[in-house]
């Protein structure tokens, strides 16, 4: 997929709104890399993620970004989605969630989703938080 095709696909008010929030939470480096990897097969996915998740849900006014981050890391940890958890842990830190708050969320995961999920989430969080 050419850059021009991506430019044409990755536009519109909803995409732009979602992109702004996605960049604010996940950081420019992460978002730029995700969009750069988009090809003829995965570009539709990047458009969907940016518009639906970031443009339609993360932009809603009744829950702050830091609270959305807390909910998201809890769900990703409970589901054992380590790759996405890694990115959203960085996003949570960007949104002002403290390391102590992340630890408390992951302790909740241990109790309510099981220790294997919590242990994996702590391992991933250690990789993200300790190098800081």
C-alpha atoms as a PDB file:
ATOM      1  CA  UNK A   1       0.000   0.000   0.000  1.00  0.00           C
ATOM      2  CA  UNK A   2       1.482   3.332  -1.025  1.00  0.00           C
ATOM      3  CA  UNK A   3       1.796   6.340   1.234  1.00  0.00           C
ATOM      4  CA  UNK A   4      -0.780   8.157  -0.881  1.00  0.00           C
ATOM      5  CA  UNK A   5      -3.284   5.323  -0.445  1.00  0.00           C
ATOM      6  CA  UNK A   6      -2.728   5.378   3.324  1.00  0.00           C
ATOM      7  CA  UNK A   7      -3.129   9.153   3.383  1.00  0.00           C
ATOM      8  CA  UNK A   8      -6.456   8.809   1.594  1.00  0.00           C
ATOM      9  CA  UNK A   9      -7.628   6.014   3.879  1.00  0.00           C
ATOM     10  CA  UNK A  10      -6.374   7.526   7.137  1.00  0.00           C
ATOM     11  CA  UNK A  11      -8.437  10.691   7.119  1.00  0.00           C
ATOM     12  CA  UNK A  12     -11.765  12.086   8.222  1.00  0.00           C
ATOM     13  CA  UNK A  13     -13.039  13.761  11.359  1.00  0.00           C
ATOM     14  CA  UNK A  14     -13.503  10.557  13.365  1.00  0.00           C
ATOM     15  CA  UNK A  15     -10.075   9.252  12.347  1.00  0.00           C
ATOM     16  CA  UNK A  16      -8.456  12.579  13.254  1.00  0.00           C
ATOM     17  CA  UNK A  17     -10.164  12.687  16.667  1.00  0.00           C
ATOM     18  CA  UNK A  18      -9.171   9.115  17.393  1.00  0.00           C
ATOM     19  CA  UNK A  19      -5.636   9.690  16.179  1.00  0.00           C
ATOM     20  CA  UNK A  20      -5.211  12.669  18.498  1.00  0.00           C
ATOM     21  CA  UNK A  21      -6.280  10.653  21.561  1.00  0.00           C
ATOM     22  CA  UNK A  22      -4.307   7.599  20.459  1.00  0.00           C
ATOM     23  CA  UNK A  23      -1.182   9.752  20.157  1.00  0.00           C
ATOM     24  CA  UNK A  24      -1.808  11.430  23.523  1.00  0.00           C
ATOM     25  CA  UNK A  25      -2.159   8.087  25.294  1.00  0.00           C
ATOM     26  CA  UNK A  26       0.208   5.771  23.431  1.00  0.00           C
ATOM     27  CA  UNK A  27       2.782   8.288  22.205  1.00  0.00           C
ATOM     28  CA  UNK A  28       3.830   9.351  18.729  1.00  0.00           C
ATOM     29  CA  UNK A  29       6.535   6.686  18.353  1.00  0.00           C
ATOM     30  CA  UNK A  30       4.097   3.840  19.054  1.00  0.00           C
ATOM     31  CA  UNK A  31       1.342   5.228  16.811  1.00  0.00           C
ATOM     32  CA  UNK A  32       3.687   6.153  13.968  1.00  0.00           C
ATOM     33  CA  UNK A  33       5.123   2.629  14.000  1.00  0.00           C
ATOM     34  CA  UNK A  34       1.661   1.027  14.006  1.00  0.00           C
ATOM     35  CA  UNK A  35       0.482   3.143  11.084  1.00  0.00           C
ATOM     36  CA  UNK A  36       3.749   2.661   9.169  1.00  0.00           C
ATOM     37  CA  UNK A  37       3.356  -1.137   9.425  1.00  0.00           C
ATOM     38  CA  UNK A  38      -0.129  -0.944   7.921  1.00  0.00           C
ATOM     39  CA  UNK A  39      -0.212  -2.609   4.538  1.00  0.00           C
ATOM     40  CA  UNK A  40      -2.859  -3.633   2.038  1.00  0.00           C
ATOM     41  CA  UNK A  41      -4.050  -6.309   4.454  1.00  0.00           C
ATOM     42  CA  UNK A  42      -3.908  -4.492   7.808  1.00  0.00           C
ATOM     43  CA  UNK A  43      -4.667  -0.864   6.922  1.00  0.00           C
ATOM     44  CA  UNK A  44      -8.392  -1.439   7.438  1.00  0.00           C
ATOM     45  CA  UNK A  45      -7.628  -2.719  10.941  1.00  0.00           C
ATOM     46  CA  UNK A  46      -5.612   0.396  11.798  1.00  0.00           C
ATOM     47  CA  UNK A  47      -8.456   2.572  10.517  1.00  0.00           C
ATOM     48  CA  UNK A  48     -10.991   0.590  12.587  1.00  0.00           C
ATOM     49  CA  UNK A  49      -8.887   0.719  15.756  1.00  0.00           C
ATOM     50  CA  UNK A  50      -8.270   4.443  15.396  1.00  0.00           C
ATOM     51  CA  UNK A  51     -11.872   5.337  14.619  1.00  0.00           C
ATOM     52  CA  UNK A  52     -13.814   2.879  16.788  1.00  0.00           C
ATOM     53  CA  UNK A  53     -11.648   2.408  19.869  1.00  0.00           C
ATOM     54  CA  UNK A  54      -9.896   5.753  20.008  1.00  0.00           C
ATOM     55  CA  UNK A  55     -12.351   7.993  18.130  1.00  0.00           C
ATOM     56  CA  UNK A  56     -15.660   6.626  19.399  1.00  0.00           C
ATOM     57  CA  UNK A  57     -14.861   5.272  22.873  1.00  0.00           C
ATOM     58  CA  UNK A  58     -11.721   6.922  24.273  1.00  0.00           C
ATOM     59  CA  UNK A  59     -13.083  10.375  23.318  1.00  0.00           C
ATOM     60  CA  UNK A  60     -16.322   9.966  25.305  1.00  0.00           C
ATOM     61  CA  UNK A  61     -16.557  12.601  28.052  1.00  0.00           C
ATOM     62  CA  UNK A  62     -17.844  10.633  31.044  1.00  0.00           C
ATOM     63  CA  UNK A  63     -14.653   8.775  31.918  1.00  0.00           C
ATOM     64  CA  UNK A  64     -11.222  10.401  32.182  1.00  0.00           C
ATOM     65  CA  UNK A  65      -8.346   9.032  30.103  1.00  0.00           C
ATOM     66  CA  UNK A  66      -6.486   7.864  33.227  1.00  0.00           C
ATOM     67  CA  UNK A  67      -9.589   5.919  34.342  1.00  0.00           C
ATOM     68  CA  UNK A  68      -9.919   4.386  30.879  1.00  0.00           C
ATOM     69  CA  UNK A  69      -6.277   3.364  31.126  1.00  0.00           C
ATOM     70  CA  UNK A  70      -6.871   1.697  34.498  1.00  0.00           C
ATOM     71  CA  UNK A  71      -9.850  -0.226  33.129  1.00  0.00           C
ATOM     72  CA  UNK A  72      -7.940  -1.187  29.999  1.00  0.00           C
ATOM     73  CA  UNK A  73      -4.880  -2.536  31.792  1.00  0.00           C
ATOM     74  CA  UNK A  74      -7.121  -4.534  34.133  1.00  0.00           C
ATOM     75  CA  UNK A  75      -8.983  -6.108  31.209  1.00  0.00           C
ATOM     76  CA  UNK A  76      -5.879  -6.813  29.143  1.00  0.00           C
ATOM     77  CA  UNK A  77      -4.145  -8.340  32.158  1.00  0.00           C
ATOM     78  CA  UNK A  78      -7.170 -10.491  32.978  1.00  0.00           C
ATOM     79  CA  UNK A  79      -7.336 -11.672  29.372  1.00  0.00           C
ATOM     80  CA  UNK A  80      -3.604 -12.408  29.261  1.00  0.00           C
ATOM     81  CA  UNK A  81      -3.020 -10.061  26.319  1.00  0.00           C
ATOM     82  CA  UNK A  82       0.606  -9.264  27.176  1.00  0.00           C
ATOM     83  CA  UNK A  83       1.543  -7.525  23.929  1.00  0.00           C
ATOM     84  CA  UNK A  84      -1.308  -5.023  24.141  1.00  0.00           C
ATOM     85  CA  UNK A  85      -0.867  -4.740  27.913  1.00  0.00           C
ATOM     86  CA  UNK A  86       2.716  -3.590  27.412  1.00  0.00           C
ATOM     87  CA  UNK A  87       1.612  -0.665  25.243  1.00  0.00           C
ATOM     88  CA  UNK A  88      -1.292   0.268  27.480  1.00  0.00           C
ATOM     89  CA  UNK A  89       0.903   0.220  30.590  1.00  0.00           C
ATOM     90  CA  UNK A  90       3.030   2.895  28.902  1.00  0.00           C
ATOM     91  CA  UNK A  91      -0.183   4.703  28.019  1.00  0.00           C
ATOM     92  CA  UNK A  92      -1.396   4.502  31.618  1.00  0.00           C
ATOM     93  CA  UNK A  93       1.854   6.045  32.818  1.00  0.00           C
ATOM     94  CA  UNK A  94       1.427   8.770  30.164  1.00  0.00           C
ATOM     95  CA  UNK A  95      -2.092   9.365  31.524  1.00  0.00           C
ATOM     96  CA  UNK A  96      -0.858   9.917  35.063  1.00  0.00           C
ATOM     97  CA  UNK A  97      -1.497   6.472  36.521  1.00  0.00           C
ATOM     98  CA  UNK A  98       1.216   5.897  39.108  1.00  0.00           C
ATOM     99  CA  UNK A  99       3.321   2.773  39.452  1.00  0.00           C
ATOM    100  CA  UNK A 100       1.636   2.171  42.814  1.00  0.00           C
ATOM    101  CA  UNK A 101      -1.809   2.376  41.207  1.00  0.00           C
ATOM    102  CA  UNK A 102      -0.738  -0.045  38.472  1.00  0.00           C
ATOM    103  CA  UNK A 103       0.502  -2.456  41.137  1.00  0.00           C
ATOM    104  CA  UNK A 104      -2.859  -2.246  42.941  1.00  0.00           C
ATOM    105  CA  UNK A 105      -4.791  -2.886  39.718  1.00  0.00           C
ATOM    106  CA  UNK A 106      -2.643  -5.940  39.008  1.00  0.00           C
ATOM    107  CA  UNK A 107      -3.163  -7.253  42.546  1.00  0.00           C
ATOM    108  CA  UNK A 108      -6.921  -7.006  41.867  1.00  0.00           C
ATOM    109  CA  UNK A 109      -6.347  -8.986  38.679  1.00  0.00           C
ATOM    110  CA  UNK A 110      -4.634 -11.715  40.695  1.00  0.00           C
ATOM    111  CA  UNK A 111      -7.678 -12.084  42.932  1.00  0.00           C
ATOM    112  CA  UNK A 112     -10.474 -11.729  40.393  1.00  0.00           C
ATOM    113  CA  UNK A 113      -8.926 -13.175  37.216  1.00  0.00           C
ATOM    114  CA  UNK A 114      -6.508 -15.648  38.768  1.00  0.00           C
ATOM    115  CA  UNK A 115      -2.881 -15.719  39.754  1.00  0.00           C
ATOM    116  CA  UNK A 116      -1.526 -16.911  36.397  1.00  0.00           C
ATOM    117  CA  UNK A 117      -3.004 -13.822  34.702  1.00  0.00           C
ATOM    118  CA  UNK A 118      -1.794 -11.551  37.491  1.00  0.00           C
ATOM    119  CA  UNK A 119       1.684 -13.032  37.559  1.00  0.00           C
ATOM    120  CA  UNK A 120       2.047 -12.565  33.803  1.00  0.00           C
ATOM    121  CA  UNK A 121       0.793  -8.990  34.089  1.00  0.00           C
ATOM    122  CA  UNK A 122       3.316  -8.244  36.848  1.00  0.00           C
ATOM    123  CA  UNK A 123       6.099  -9.671  34.674  1.00  0.00           C
ATOM    124  CA  UNK A 124       5.094  -7.442  31.765  1.00  0.00           C
ATOM    125  CA  UNK A 125       4.663  -4.414  34.022  1.00  0.00           C
ATOM    126  CA  UNK A 126       8.137  -4.989  35.438  1.00  0.00           C
ATOM    127  CA  UNK A 127       9.567  -4.862  31.918  1.00  0.00           C
ATOM    128  CA  UNK A 128       7.783  -1.580  31.251  1.00  0.00           C
ATOM    129  CA  UNK A 129       8.212   0.152  34.611  1.00  0.00           C
ATOM    130  CA  UNK A 130      11.682  -0.883  35.796  1.00  0.00           C
ATOM    131  CA  UNK A 131      13.630   0.506  32.811  1.00  0.00           C
ATOM    132  CA  UNK A 132      12.100   3.972  33.364  1.00  0.00           C
END
